[in-house]
C-alpha atoms as a PDB file:
ATOM      1  CA  MET A   1      -0.020   0.319  -0.049  1.00  0.00           C
ATOM      2  CA  MET A   2       1.648   3.218  -1.017  1.00  0.00           C
ATOM      3  CA  CYS A   3       2.078   6.513   0.760  1.00  0.00           C
ATOM      4  CA  SER A   4      -0.894   8.977   0.240  1.00  0.00           C
ATOM      5  CA  ILE A   5      -3.326   6.225   1.730  1.00  0.00           C
ATOM      6  CA  ASN A   6      -4.083   5.097   4.732  1.00  0.00           C
ATOM      7  CA  SER A   7      -5.251   1.772   6.094  1.00  0.00           C
ATOM      8  CA  ASP A   8      -6.913   0.853   9.352  1.00  0.00           C
ATOM      9  CA  SER A   9      -7.496  -2.943   9.631  1.00  0.00           C
ATOM     10  CA  PHE A  10      -6.970  -6.407  11.353  1.00  0.00           C
ATOM     11  CA  THR A  11      -6.384 -10.180  10.617  1.00  0.00           C
ATOM     12  CA  PHE A  12      -5.713 -12.646  12.888  1.00  0.00           C
ATOM     13  CA  ILE A  13      -2.185 -14.966  13.870  1.00  0.00           C
ATOM     14  CA  GLY A  14      -3.349 -17.932  15.350  1.00  0.00           C
ATOM     15  CA  ASN A  15      -5.840 -16.942  18.665  1.00  0.00           C
ATOM     16  CA  LEU A  16      -3.971 -13.193  18.231  1.00  0.00           C
ATOM     17  CA  LYS A  17      -5.887 -10.676  16.739  1.00  0.00           C
ATOM     18  CA  VAL A  18      -3.764  -8.020  14.922  1.00  0.00           C
ATOM     19  CA  PHE A  19      -5.092  -4.626  14.563  1.00  0.00           C
ATOM     20  CA  SER A  20      -2.855  -1.608  12.368  1.00  0.00           C
ATOM     21  CA  PHE A  21      -2.968   1.341  10.421  1.00  0.00           C
ATOM     22  CA  GLY A  22      -0.500   3.506   8.529  1.00  0.00           C
ATOM     23  CA  LEU A  23      -0.219   6.744   7.272  1.00  0.00           C
ATOM     24  CA  SER A  24       2.130   9.346   5.503  1.00  0.00           C
ATOM     25  CA  ASP A  25       2.535  12.878   5.418  1.00  0.00           C
ATOM     26  CA  ARG A  26       4.665  15.599   3.499  1.00  0.00           C
ATOM     27  CA  GLY A  27       5.423  17.966   6.732  1.00  0.00           C
ATOM     28  CA  LYS A  28       5.720  21.491   6.496  1.00  0.00           C
ATOM     29  CA  MET A  29       9.126  21.729   5.009  1.00  0.00           C
ATOM     30  CA  ARG A  30       9.408  19.503   2.549  1.00  0.00           C
ATOM     31  CA  GLU A  31       7.943  20.245  -1.480  1.00  0.00           C
ATOM     32  CA  LYS A  32       6.914  16.357  -1.419  1.00  0.00           C
ATOM     33  CA  ASN A  33       6.467  13.187   0.221  1.00  0.00           C
ATOM     34  CA  GLU A  34       9.535  10.930  -0.325  1.00  0.00           C
ATOM     35  CA  ASP A  35       8.594   8.383   2.132  1.00  0.00           C
ATOM     36  CA  MET A  36       6.600   5.254   1.166  1.00  0.00           C
ATOM     37  CA  PHE A  37       4.756   2.676   3.592  1.00  0.00           C
ATOM     38  CA  TYR A  38       3.094  -1.059   2.573  1.00  0.00           C
ATOM     39  CA  VAL A  39       0.289  -2.541   4.459  1.00  0.00           C
ATOM     40  CA  ASP A  40      -0.603  -6.170   3.911  1.00  0.00           C
ATOM     41  CA  ASP A  41      -2.783  -7.334   6.934  1.00  0.00           C
ATOM     42  CA  ASN A  42      -3.565 -10.538   4.863  1.00  0.00           C
ATOM     43  CA  LYS A  43       0.067 -11.431   4.368  1.00  0.00           C
ATOM     44  CA  ARG A  44       1.325  -9.615   7.683  1.00  0.00           C
ATOM     45  CA  ILE A  45       3.936  -7.400   6.055  1.00  0.00           C
ATOM     46  CA  TYR A  46       4.343  -3.541   6.945  1.00  0.00           C
ATOM     47  CA  ALA A  47       6.952  -1.803   5.511  1.00  0.00           C
ATOM     48  CA  ILE A  48       8.288   1.707   5.486  1.00  0.00           C
ATOM     49  CA  ALA A  49      10.709   3.320   2.936  1.00  0.00           C
ATOM     50  CA  ASP A  50      12.703   7.020   3.250  1.00  0.00           C
ATOM     51  CA  GLY A  51      13.799   8.335  -0.074  1.00  0.00           C
ATOM     52  CA  LEU A  52      17.127   9.727   0.591  1.00  0.00           C
ATOM     53  CA  GLY A  53      16.698  13.804   0.595  1.00  0.00           C
ATOM     54  CA  GLY A  54      20.439  14.311  -0.338  1.00  0.00           C
ATOM     55  CA  LEU A  55      20.440  12.482  -3.356  1.00  0.00           C
ATOM     56  CA  PRO A  56      18.316  12.967  -6.558  1.00  0.00           C
ATOM     57  CA  GLU A  57      14.356  11.431  -6.986  1.00  0.00           C
ATOM     58  CA  GLY A  58      14.388  10.353  -3.510  1.00  0.00           C
ATOM     59  CA  ALA A  59      10.302   9.242  -4.228  1.00  0.00           C
ATOM     60  CA  LEU A  60      11.912   7.372  -6.772  1.00  0.00           C
ATOM     61  CA  ALA A  61      13.897   5.271  -4.987  1.00  0.00           C
ATOM     62  CA  SER A  62      11.529   4.581  -2.092  1.00  0.00           C
ATOM     63  CA  LYS A  63       8.603   3.797  -4.406  1.00  0.00           C
ATOM     64  CA  LEU A  64      11.009   1.715  -5.984  1.00  0.00           C
ATOM     65  CA  ALA A  65      11.308  -0.730  -3.266  1.00  0.00           C
ATOM     66  CA  ILE A  66       7.934  -0.455  -1.602  1.00  0.00           C
ATOM     67  CA  LYS A  67       6.894  -1.699  -5.424  1.00  0.00           C
ATOM     68  CA  LEU A  68       9.389  -4.196  -5.490  1.00  0.00           C
ATOM     69  CA  LEU A  69       8.751  -5.617  -2.204  1.00  0.00           C
ATOM     70  CA  GLY A  70       5.061  -6.161  -2.857  1.00  0.00           C
ATOM     71  CA  LYS A  71       6.006  -7.872  -6.167  1.00  0.00           C
ATOM     72  CA  SER A  72       8.501 -10.361  -3.679  1.00  0.00           C
ATOM     73  CA  ILE A  73       5.191 -10.811  -1.655  1.00  0.00           C
ATOM     74  CA  ALA A  74       2.814 -11.938  -4.353  1.00  0.00           C
ATOM     75  CA  LYS A  75       5.400 -14.719  -5.523  1.00  0.00           C
ATOM     76  CA  GLU A  76       5.680 -15.855  -2.623  1.00  0.00           C
ATOM     77  CA  ARG A  77       4.022 -19.326  -1.392  1.00  0.00           C
ATOM     78  CA  HIS A  78       2.601 -20.152   2.178  1.00  0.00           C
ATOM     79  CA  GLY A  79       4.477 -17.126   4.139  1.00  0.00           C
ATOM     80  CA  ARG A  80       7.532 -18.372   3.217  1.00  0.00           C
ATOM     81  CA  LEU A  81       9.436 -15.166   2.840  1.00  0.00           C
ATOM     82  CA  ASN A  82      13.032 -14.925   2.453  1.00  0.00           C
ATOM     83  CA  LEU A  83      13.854 -11.051   3.684  1.00  0.00           C
ATOM     84  CA  GLU A  84      17.705 -11.332   2.826  1.00  0.00           C
ATOM     85  CA  HIS A  85      16.763 -12.678  -0.693  1.00  0.00           C
ATOM     86  CA  ILE A  86      14.156  -9.901  -0.866  1.00  0.00           C
ATOM     87  CA  PHE A  87      16.209  -6.789   0.304  1.00  0.00           C
ATOM     88  CA  ASN A  88      19.095  -7.730  -1.965  1.00  0.00           C
ATOM     89  CA  ASN A  89      16.913  -8.075  -4.947  1.00  0.00           C
ATOM     90  CA  ILE A  90      15.500  -4.403  -4.074  1.00  0.00           C
ATOM     91  CA  ASN A  91      18.632  -2.751  -3.542  1.00  0.00           C
ATOM     92  CA  LYS A  92      19.931  -4.325  -6.924  1.00  0.00           C
ATOM     93  CA  SER A  93      17.280  -3.131  -8.804  1.00  0.00           C
ATOM     94  CA  VAL A  94      17.436   0.500  -6.826  1.00  0.00           C
ATOM     95  CA  TYR A  95      21.093   0.393  -8.052  1.00  0.00           C
ATOM     96  CA  LEU A  96      20.906  -0.010 -11.395  1.00  0.00           C
ATOM     97  CA  GLU A  97      17.874   2.705 -11.554  1.00  0.00           C
ATOM     98  CA  GLY A  98      20.048   5.243  -9.897  1.00  0.00           C
ATOM     99  CA  LYS A  99      22.784   4.418 -12.124  1.00  0.00           C
ATOM    100  CA  LYS A 100      20.431   4.943 -15.049  1.00  0.00           C
ATOM    101  CA  VAL A 101      18.868   8.693 -13.569  1.00  0.00           C
ATOM    102  CA  SER A 102      21.280   9.868 -12.098  1.00  0.00           C
ATOM    103  CA  GLY A 103      24.405   8.480 -13.329  1.00  0.00           C
ATOM    104  CA  GLU A 104      27.262   8.532 -10.732  1.00  0.00           C
ATOM    105  CA  VAL A 105      25.679   9.665  -7.819  1.00  0.00           C
ATOM    106  CA  GLY A 106      22.544   7.218  -7.959  1.00  0.00           C
ATOM    107  CA  ILE A 107      19.657   7.146  -5.889  1.00  0.00           C
ATOM    108  CA  GLY A 108      18.753   5.622  -2.373  1.00  0.00           C
ATOM    109  CA  THR A 109      16.246   5.024   0.410  1.00  0.00           C
ATOM    110  CA  THR A 110      15.454   3.333   3.947  1.00  0.00           C
ATOM    111  CA  LEU A 111      13.851   0.311   4.159  1.00  0.00           C
ATOM    112  CA  THR A 112      12.148  -1.544   6.605  1.00  0.00           C
ATOM    113  CA  VAL A 113      10.136  -4.635   6.875  1.00  0.00           C
ATOM    114  CA  ILE A 114       8.314  -6.462   9.654  1.00  0.00           C
ATOM    115  CA  HIS A 115       6.781  -9.657   8.865  1.00  0.00           C
ATOM    116  CA  LEU A 116       4.217 -11.479  11.590  1.00  0.00           C
ATOM    117  CA  LYS A 117       4.074 -15.069  11.779  1.00  0.00           C
ATOM    118  CA  ARG A 118       2.683 -17.595  14.341  1.00  0.00           C
ATOM    119  CA  ASN A 119       4.041 -15.970  17.507  1.00  0.00           C
ATOM    120  CA  PHE A 120       7.105 -14.288  15.866  1.00  0.00           C
ATOM    121  CA  MET A 121       8.202 -10.939  14.392  1.00  0.00           C
ATOM    122  CA  ASN A 122      10.576 -11.186  12.006  1.00  0.00           C
ATOM    123  CA  ILE A 123      12.248  -7.825  11.313  1.00  0.00           C
ATOM    124  CA  ALA A 124      14.677  -6.553   7.885  1.00  0.00           C
ATOM    125  CA  HIS A 125      15.921  -3.397   8.434  1.00  0.00           C
ATOM    126  CA  ILE A 126      18.616  -0.914   6.675  1.00  0.00           C
ATOM    127  CA  GLY A 127      18.870   3.036   7.227  1.00  0.00           C
ATOM    128  CA  ASP A 128      17.191   4.924   9.805  1.00  0.00           C
ATOM    129  CA  CYS A 129      13.626   3.993   9.987  1.00  0.00           C
ATOM    130  CA  THR A 130      12.932   2.684  13.219  1.00  0.00           C
ATOM    131  CA  ALA A 131      10.955   0.103  14.740  1.00  0.00           C
ATOM    132  CA  TYR A 132       9.579   0.039  18.663  1.00  0.00           C
ATOM    133  CA  ILE A 133       7.602  -2.463  20.624  1.00  0.00           C
ATOM    134  CA  CYS A 134       5.848  -1.487  23.732  1.00  0.00           C
ATOM    135  CA  ARG A 135       5.439  -4.337  26.228  1.00  0.00           C
ATOM    136  CA  ASN A 136       3.528  -4.678  29.427  1.00  0.00           C
ATOM    137  CA  LYS A 137       4.042  -0.797  29.501  1.00  0.00           C
ATOM    138  CA  LYS A 138       7.876  -1.091  29.042  1.00  0.00           C
ATOM    139  CA  TRP A 139       9.661   0.801  25.752  1.00  0.00           C
ATOM    140  CA  ARG A 140      12.035  -0.948  23.521  1.00  0.00           C
ATOM    141  CA  LYS A 141      13.929   0.013  20.335  1.00  0.00           C
ATOM    142  CA  LEU A 142      13.858  -2.958  18.066  1.00  0.00           C
ATOM    143  CA  THR A 143      15.935  -1.476  15.082  1.00  0.00           C
ATOM    144  CA  SER A 144      19.450   0.171  14.914  1.00  0.00           C
ATOM    145  CA  ASP A 145      20.144   3.453  13.258  1.00  0.00           C
ATOM    146  CA  HIS A 146      22.474   3.455  10.395  1.00  0.00           C
ATOM    147  CA  THR A 147      23.769   6.797  10.829  1.00  0.00           C
ATOM    148  CA  MET A 148      27.329   8.780  11.526  1.00  0.00           C
ATOM    149  CA  ALA A 149      26.072   9.308  14.856  1.00  0.00           C
ATOM    150  CA  GLU A 150      25.021   6.190  16.095  1.00  0.00           C
ATOM    151  CA  GLU A 151      28.253   4.924  14.552  1.00  0.00           C
ATOM    152  CA  ILE A 152      30.494   6.942  16.991  1.00  0.00           C
ATOM    153  CA  ARG A 153      28.129   6.070  19.741  1.00  0.00           C
ATOM    154  CA  SER A 154      28.558   2.803  19.641  1.00  0.00           C
ATOM    155  CA  ARG A 155      32.794   3.121  19.410  1.00  0.00           C
ATOM    156  CA  LEU A 156      32.582   5.070  22.487  1.00  0.00           C
ATOM    157  CA  ALA A 157      34.067   3.560  25.662  1.00  0.00           C
ATOM    158  CA  PRO A 158      31.453   3.382  28.956  1.00  0.00           C
ATOM    159  CA  GLY A 159      31.412   7.099  30.377  1.00  0.00           C
ATOM    160  CA  ASP A 160      32.840   8.628  27.448  1.00  0.00           C
ATOM    161  CA  ASP A 161      30.749  11.401  26.814  1.00  0.00           C
ATOM    162  CA  ILE A 162      31.294  13.689  23.185  1.00  0.00           C
ATOM    163  CA  GLU A 163      29.605  16.292  22.030  1.00  0.00           C
ATOM    164  CA  ILE A 164      28.148  15.127  18.196  1.00  0.00           C
ATOM    165  CA  PRO A 165      27.322  17.272  15.411  1.00  0.00           C
ATOM    166  CA  ASP A 166      23.131  17.440  14.556  1.00  0.00           C
ATOM    167  CA  TYR A 167      23.688  16.558  10.758  1.00  0.00           C
ATOM    168  CA  PHE A 168      25.544  12.917  11.714  1.00  0.00           C
ATOM    169  CA  SER A 169      22.354  11.929  12.642  1.00  0.00           C
ATOM    170  CA  HIS A 170      20.803  12.254   9.290  1.00  0.00           C
ATOM    171  CA  THR A 171      23.897  11.041   7.786  1.00  0.00           C
ATOM    172  CA  LEU A 172      23.498   7.233   6.516  1.00  0.00           C
ATOM    173  CA  THR A 173      26.349   4.987   6.425  1.00  0.00           C
ATOM    174  CA  ARG A 174      23.976   2.353   5.135  1.00  0.00           C
ATOM    175  CA  CYS A 175      20.868   2.681   2.723  1.00  0.00           C
ATOM    176  CA  ILE A 176      19.575   0.815  -0.171  1.00  0.00           C
ATOM    177  CA  GLY A 177      20.688   1.754  -3.679  1.00  0.00           C
ATOM    178  CA  GLN A 178      23.981   3.138  -3.267  1.00  0.00           C
ATOM    179  CA  GLN A 179      25.936   0.079  -3.713  1.00  0.00           C
ATOM    180  CA  ASP A 180      25.591  -2.921  -5.609  1.00  0.00           C
ATOM    181  CA  GLU A 181      26.311  -5.092  -2.397  1.00  0.00           C
ATOM    182  CA  ILE A 182      24.265  -4.642   1.176  1.00  0.00           C
ATOM    183  CA  GLU A 183      24.626  -5.175   4.959  1.00  0.00           C
ATOM    184  CA  THR A 184      20.916  -5.428   5.892  1.00  0.00           C
ATOM    185  CA  ASP A 185      20.266  -6.615   9.990  1.00  0.00           C
ATOM    186  CA  PHE A 186      17.816  -8.956  10.801  1.00  0.00           C
ATOM    187  CA  TYR A 187      16.253  -9.202  14.077  1.00  0.00           C
ATOM    188  CA  LYS A 188      13.338 -11.687  15.325  1.00  0.00           C
ATOM    189  CA  LYS A 189      11.432 -11.181  18.363  1.00  0.00           C
ATOM    190  CA  THR A 190       8.452 -13.315  20.001  1.00  0.00           C
ATOM    191  CA  LEU A 191       4.902 -11.580  19.858  1.00  0.00           C
ATOM    192  CA  LYS A 192       2.670 -11.826  22.443  1.00  0.00           C
ATOM    193  CA  SER A 193      -0.751 -10.058  23.262  1.00  0.00           C
ATOM    194  CA  GLY A 194      -0.718  -6.582  24.011  1.00  0.00           C
ATOM    195  CA  ASP A 195       1.871  -5.871  22.160  1.00  0.00           C
ATOM    196  CA  ARG A 196       2.251  -2.382  20.411  1.00  0.00           C
ATOM    197  CA  ILE A 197       4.389  -2.075  17.475  1.00  0.00           C
ATOM    198  CA  LEU A 198       5.202   1.248  16.377  1.00  0.00           C
ATOM    199  CA  MET A 199       7.074   1.729  12.519  1.00  0.00           C
ATOM    200  CA  CYS A 200       8.114   5.441  11.660  1.00  0.00           C
ATOM    201  CA  SER A 201      10.457   7.447   9.484  1.00  0.00           C
ATOM    202  CA  ASP A 202      12.515   9.719  11.000  1.00  0.00           C
ATOM    203  CA  GLY A 203      10.651  12.726  10.208  1.00  0.00           C
ATOM    204  CA  ILE A 204       8.721  11.385  13.479  1.00  0.00           C
ATOM    205  CA  SER A 205      11.648   9.547  15.440  1.00  0.00           C
ATOM    206  CA  LYS A 206      14.163  12.876  15.106  1.00  0.00           C
ATOM    207  CA  THR A 207      11.005  15.156  15.866  1.00  0.00           C
ATOM    208  CA  LEU A 208       9.939  13.429  19.095  1.00  0.00           C
ATOM    209  CA  THR A 209      11.954  11.680  21.761  1.00  0.00           C
ATOM    210  CA  ASP A 210      11.766   7.901  22.299  1.00  0.00           C
ATOM    211  CA  GLU A 211      10.011   9.016  25.845  1.00  0.00           C
ATOM    212  CA  GLU A 212       7.494  11.104  24.395  1.00  0.00           C
ATOM    213  CA  LEU A 213       6.582   7.872  21.573  1.00  0.00           C
ATOM    214  CA  HIS A 214       6.350   5.388  24.563  1.00  0.00           C
ATOM    215  CA  LYS A 215       3.872   7.737  26.392  1.00  0.00           C
ATOM    216  CA  GLU A 216       1.730   8.502  23.028  1.00  0.00           C
ATOM    217  CA  THR A 217       1.884   4.515  22.797  1.00  0.00           C
ATOM    218  CA  ILE A 218       0.785   3.952  25.588  1.00  0.00           C
ATOM    219  CA  GLU A 219      -2.198   6.095  26.137  1.00  0.00           C
ATOM    220  CA  ALA A 220      -3.351   5.991  22.313  1.00  0.00           C
ATOM    221  CA  ASN A 221      -6.626   3.118  22.021  1.00  0.00           C
ATOM    222  CA  THR A 222      -6.347   2.589  18.277  1.00  0.00           C
ATOM    223  CA  PRO A 223      -3.280   2.040  15.779  1.00  0.00           C
ATOM    224  CA  GLU A 224      -5.104   5.142  14.062  1.00  0.00           C
ATOM    225  CA  TYR A 225      -5.350   7.367  17.182  1.00  0.00           C
ATOM    226  CA  LEU A 226      -1.752   6.581  17.403  1.00  0.00           C
ATOM    227  CA  ILE A 227      -0.251   7.447  14.302  1.00  0.00           C
ATOM    228  CA  ARG A 228      -2.473  10.674  13.504  1.00  0.00           C
ATOM    229  CA  SER A 229      -1.492  12.196  17.091  1.00  0.00           C
ATOM    230  CA  LEU A 230       2.104  11.447  16.052  1.00  0.00           C
ATOM    231  CA  ILE A 231       2.284  13.124  12.857  1.00  0.00           C
ATOM    232  CA  LYS A 232      -0.071  15.608  14.260  1.00  0.00           C
ATOM    233  CA  VAL A 233       2.994  16.385  17.313  1.00  0.00           C
ATOM    234  CA  ALA A 234       5.737  16.199  14.249  1.00  0.00           C
ATOM    235  CA  ASN A 235       3.889  19.155  12.205  1.00  0.00           C
ATOM    236  CA  ASN A 236       2.873  21.024  15.425  1.00  0.00           C
ATOM    237  CA  ARG A 237       6.692  21.569  15.807  1.00  0.00           C
ATOM    238  CA  GLY A 238       7.636  22.427  12.217  1.00  0.00           C
ATOM    239  CA  GLY A 239       6.899  19.417  10.615  1.00  0.00           C
ATOM    240  CA  PRO A 240      10.719  19.254   9.430  1.00  0.00           C
ATOM    241  CA  ASP A 241      10.532  15.836   7.649  1.00  0.00           C
ATOM    242  CA  ASN A 242       7.916  13.792   5.850  1.00  0.00           C
ATOM    243  CA  SER A 243       6.443  11.697   8.498  1.00  0.00           C
ATOM    244  CA  THR A 244       5.395   8.516   8.199  1.00  0.00           C
ATOM    245  CA  GLY A 245       3.909   5.403  10.526  1.00  0.00           C
ATOM    246  CA  ILE A 246       2.855   2.035  11.125  1.00  0.00           C
ATOM    247  CA  ALA A 247       0.590   0.977  14.511  1.00  0.00           C
ATOM    248  CA  ILE A 248       0.598  -2.407  14.776  1.00  0.00           C
ATOM    249  CA  TYR A 249      -1.726  -3.662  18.003  1.00  0.00           C
ATOM    250  CA  VAL A 250      -2.033  -7.185  19.375  1.00  0.00           C
ATOM    251  CA  SER A 251      -4.883  -8.581  20.875  1.00  0.00           C
END
């Protein structure tokens, strides 16, 4: 499902009922929306792609990534998704398309995908869109941002504290489409009744703090209310970037 369309629906996974909602907004500062999202409750697959604004044709990159994801899912049988294979194929296609449209500069996008299967959640991730889980009111970030800022923090010794330029938080070290090979992060987590999962682009995650996202997720009664609230807050704070979110509630 593309970024200009929202989704509010539910599906069953065994005895677990899953409600979801996705929405994307251009924000207040960008001329166009370069985020795309995908919601498929039948296949239980959810994804966000954020085209790189520092490169040409960010919207083309994210749109192509989501389009190819949808085609790959349609070909799969019995829910046997090989996310590594899918990510590699998407990267290759975006990389080749970038060579056509912008020569040596190329195009690029982030891509984060969640697949719910039985009582598990499989995540494939590259870039700085973020996935969180709220379980028993406790908050946990499920993905790592592939940015210069996070790379520097990961190398610091315990207790070290240095000032990291703000733009390092927006400078990606990994993405789809810039190289012919990629390194994708994969995670597998259990899924339990009461879980609330939030996926969002950095227009939300870098405008609200983790504490604010946690509070909003606990207080929102429905996935739709949560996502609309987060986008509203982001826009009230200037809407510096495109804002896209998907919420998945398990009951």
